[in-house]
C-alpha atoms as a PDB file:
ATOM      1  CA  MET A   1     119.381 178.093  78.345  1.00  0.00           C
ATOM      2  CA  THR A   2     118.430 178.371  74.613  1.00  0.00           C
ATOM      3  CA  ASP A   3     116.074 176.361  73.200  1.00  0.00           C
ATOM      4  CA  THR A   4     118.744 175.026  70.724  1.00  0.00           C
ATOM      5  CA  ALA A   5     120.822 174.053  74.193  1.00  0.00           C
ATOM      6  CA  ALA A   6     118.260 172.276  75.461  1.00  0.00           C
ATOM      7  CA  ALA A   7     116.798 170.251  72.506  1.00  0.00           C
ATOM      8  CA  ASN A   8     120.993 169.611  72.126  1.00  0.00           C
ATOM      9  CA  PRO A   9     122.656 168.078  75.235  1.00  0.00           C
ATOM     10  CA  ILE A  10     126.160 168.364  73.390  1.00  0.00           C
ATOM     11  CA  HIS A  11     125.561 172.086  73.000  1.00  0.00           C
ATOM     12  CA  ALA A  12     124.350 172.108  76.728  1.00  0.00           C
ATOM     13  CA  ALA A  13     127.345 170.042  77.959  1.00  0.00           C
ATOM     14  CA  ILE A  14     129.444 172.522  75.749  1.00  0.00           C
ATOM     15  CA  GLY A  15     127.898 176.005  76.994  1.00  0.00           C
ATOM     16  CA  LYS A  16     128.310 174.612  80.626  1.00  0.00           C
ATOM     17  CA  THR A  17     131.967 173.692  80.010  1.00  0.00           C
ATOM     18  CA  VAL A  18     132.214 177.374  78.250  1.00  0.00           C
ATOM     19  CA  ALA A  19     130.294 178.927  81.590  1.00  0.00           C
ATOM     20  CA  ASP A  20     132.457 177.215  84.298  1.00  0.00           C
ATOM     21  CA  ASN A  21     136.022 177.966  82.869  1.00  0.00           C
ATOM     22  CA  ALA A  22     137.577 181.654  81.891  1.00  0.00           C
ATOM     23  CA  VAL A  23     139.585 180.188  79.412  1.00  0.00           C
ATOM     24  CA  VAL A  24     138.629 177.099  77.001  1.00  0.00           C
ATOM     25  CA  LEU A  25     140.299 175.890  74.356  1.00  0.00           C
ATOM     26  CA  PHE A  26     138.487 172.998  72.381  1.00  0.00           C
ATOM     27  CA  MET A  27     141.285 170.948  70.707  1.00  0.00           C
ATOM     28  CA  LYS A  28     142.389 168.287  69.064  1.00  0.00           C
ATOM     29  CA  GLY A  29     144.885 166.647  71.901  1.00  0.00           C
ATOM     30  CA  GLU A  30     145.399 167.524  75.394  1.00  0.00           C
ATOM     31  CA  PRO A  31     147.496 170.817  76.338  1.00  0.00           C
ATOM     32  CA  GLU A  32     150.732 168.494  77.162  1.00  0.00           C
ATOM     33  CA  GLN A  33     149.870 166.583  73.958  1.00  0.00           C
ATOM     34  CA  PRO A  34     148.334 168.734  71.088  1.00  0.00           C
ATOM     35  CA  ARG A  35     147.534 165.989  68.384  1.00  0.00           C
ATOM     36  CA  CYS A  36     147.479 169.088  65.430  1.00  0.00           C
ATOM     37  CA  GLY A  37     149.770 171.903  64.806  1.00  0.00           C
ATOM     38  CA  PHE A  38     146.414 174.471  64.848  1.00  0.00           C
ATOM     39  CA  SER A  39     146.085 173.400  68.883  1.00  0.00           C
ATOM     40  CA  ALA A  40     149.770 173.016  69.308  1.00  0.00           C
ATOM     41  CA  VAL A  41     150.122 176.938  67.940  1.00  0.00           C
ATOM     42  CA  VAL A  42     147.336 178.372  70.590  1.00  0.00           C
ATOM     43  CA  VAL A  43     148.581 176.477  73.502  1.00  0.00           C
ATOM     44  CA  GLN A  44     152.102 178.013  72.760  1.00  0.00           C
ATOM     45  CA  ILE A  45     150.834 181.021  72.545  1.00  0.00           C
ATOM     46  CA  LEU A  46     148.394 180.256  75.590  1.00  0.00           C
ATOM     47  CA  ASP A  47     151.504 179.056  77.368  1.00  0.00           C
ATOM     48  CA  HIS A  48     153.563 181.929  76.657  1.00  0.00           C
ATOM     49  CA  LEU A  49     151.462 184.748  77.837  1.00  0.00           C
ATOM     50  CA  GLY A  50     150.908 182.687  81.245  1.00  0.00           C
ATOM     51  CA  VAL A  51     147.217 182.022  80.345  1.00  0.00           C
ATOM     52  CA  ASP A  52     145.750 179.639  82.841  1.00  0.00           C
ATOM     53  CA  PHE A  53     142.918 177.661  80.560  1.00  0.00           C
ATOM     54  CA  VAL A  54     141.032 174.051  80.731  1.00  0.00           C
ATOM     55  CA  GLY A  55     141.678 172.411  77.459  1.00  0.00           C
ATOM     56  CA  VAL A  56     138.946 169.939  75.910  1.00  0.00           C
ATOM     57  CA  ASP A  57     139.581 166.848  73.648  1.00  0.00           C
ATOM     58  CA  VAL A  58     137.649 167.158  70.864  1.00  0.00           C
ATOM     59  CA  LEU A  59     138.789 163.900  69.790  1.00  0.00           C
ATOM     60  CA  GLN A  60     137.396 162.031  72.588  1.00  0.00           C
ATOM     61  CA  ASP A  61     133.837 162.331  71.221  1.00  0.00           C
ATOM     62  CA  ASP A  62     132.862 162.620  67.251  1.00  0.00           C
ATOM     63  CA  ALA A  63     129.482 163.977  68.639  1.00  0.00           C
ATOM     64  CA  LEU A  64     131.813 166.729  70.771  1.00  0.00           C
ATOM     65  CA  ARG A  65     134.080 167.478  67.782  1.00  0.00           C
ATOM     66  CA  ASP A  66     130.924 168.161  65.726  1.00  0.00           C
ATOM     67  CA  GLY A  67     128.920 169.933  68.563  1.00  0.00           C
ATOM     68  CA  VAL A  68     131.871 171.877  68.788  1.00  0.00           C
ATOM     69  CA  LYS A  69     131.617 173.548  65.393  1.00  0.00           C
ATOM     70  CA  SER A  70     128.091 173.933  65.322  1.00  0.00           C
ATOM     71  CA  PHE A  71     127.834 175.570  68.537  1.00  0.00           C
ATOM     72  CA  SER A  72     130.194 178.456  67.773  1.00  0.00           C
ATOM     73  CA  ASP A  73     129.144 177.879  63.822  1.00  0.00           C
ATOM     74  CA  TRP A  74     132.617 177.921  63.367  1.00  0.00           C
ATOM     75  CA  PRO A  75     133.877 175.017  61.118  1.00  0.00           C
ATOM     76  CA  THR A  76     137.744 174.658  62.483  1.00  0.00           C
ATOM     77  CA  ILE A  77     139.626 173.323  64.976  1.00  0.00           C
ATOM     78  CA  PRO A  78     140.618 174.467  68.037  1.00  0.00           C
ATOM     79  CA  GLN A  79     138.140 177.245  69.409  1.00  0.00           C
ATOM     80  CA  LEU A  80     139.268 179.531  72.009  1.00  0.00           C
ATOM     81  CA  TYR A  81     136.302 181.210  74.449  1.00  0.00           C
ATOM     82  CA  VAL A  82     137.419 183.788  77.025  1.00  0.00           C
ATOM     83  CA  LYS A  83     134.665 184.748  79.344  1.00  0.00           C
ATOM     84  CA  GLY A  84     132.111 182.648  77.950  1.00  0.00           C
ATOM     85  CA  GLU A  85     132.754 184.368  74.426  1.00  0.00           C
ATOM     86  CA  PHE A  86     134.318 182.880  71.141  1.00  0.00           C
ATOM     87  CA  VAL A  87     137.293 184.296  70.221  1.00  0.00           C
ATOM     88  CA  GLY A  88     138.218 182.449  67.035  1.00  0.00           C
ATOM     89  CA  GLY A  89     140.663 179.590  65.834  1.00  0.00           C
ATOM     90  CA  SER A  90     144.188 179.128  65.486  1.00  0.00           C
ATOM     91  CA  ASP A  91     144.361 181.870  62.779  1.00  0.00           C
ATOM     92  CA  ILE A  92     142.771 184.544  64.508  1.00  0.00           C
ATOM     93  CA  VAL A  93     144.664 184.138  67.732  1.00  0.00           C
ATOM     94  CA  ARG A  94     148.094 183.737  65.842  1.00  0.00           C
ATOM     95  CA  GLU A  95     147.167 186.989  64.310  1.00  0.00           C
ATOM     96  CA  MET A  96     146.004 188.742  67.437  1.00  0.00           C
ATOM     97  CA  PHE A  97     149.331 187.888  69.326  1.00  0.00           C
ATOM     98  CA  GLN A  98     151.411 189.093  66.410  1.00  0.00           C
ATOM     99  CA  SER A  99     149.799 192.245  66.227  1.00  0.00           C
ATOM    100  CA  GLY A 100     149.856 192.538  69.926  1.00  0.00           C
ATOM    101  CA  GLU A 101     145.947 192.697  70.357  1.00  0.00           C
ATOM    102  CA  LEU A 102     145.735 189.223  72.933  1.00  0.00           C
ATOM    103  CA  LYS A 103     147.604 189.965  76.074  1.00  0.00           C
ATOM    104  CA  PRO A 104     145.483 193.659  76.185  1.00  0.00           C
ATOM    105  CA  PHE A 105     142.287 191.762  75.314  1.00  0.00           C
ATOM    106  CA  LEU A 106     143.233 189.071  77.483  1.00  0.00           C
ATOM    107  CA  ALA A 107     144.218 191.285  80.722  1.00  0.00           C
ATOM    108  CA  GLU A 108     140.857 193.516  79.921  1.00  0.00           C
ATOM    109  CA  GLN A 109     138.956 190.184  80.216  1.00  0.00           C
ATOM    110  CA  GLY A 110     140.758 189.219  83.675  1.00  0.00           C
ATOM    111  CA  VAL A 111     142.485 186.259  82.589  1.00  0.00           C
ATOM    112  CA  LEU A 112     146.163 187.291  82.237  1.00  0.00           C
END
């Protein structure tokens, strides 16, 4: 655990969630009911590819919503993590899907 995670319990919780689950989507809403279009796009792509993932609703907690952004140093939500690594937000996931990069990447990670 880094000093930052020890000093920031939100970062520690995010780190644990990312470490404990192969695919995590920090999103607005739930996978069954996304509450923003960008989150919905990523959910649709993951569902289309048949990826088993954990959705974490950042709207339930302001500290979590802000913490996710500082944890990844990425300003927007949703945020996709695969095997502990930050992949990107909605635009990146969509571009990877459209270019055909996402499916092989997920297969290489053993989550497809």
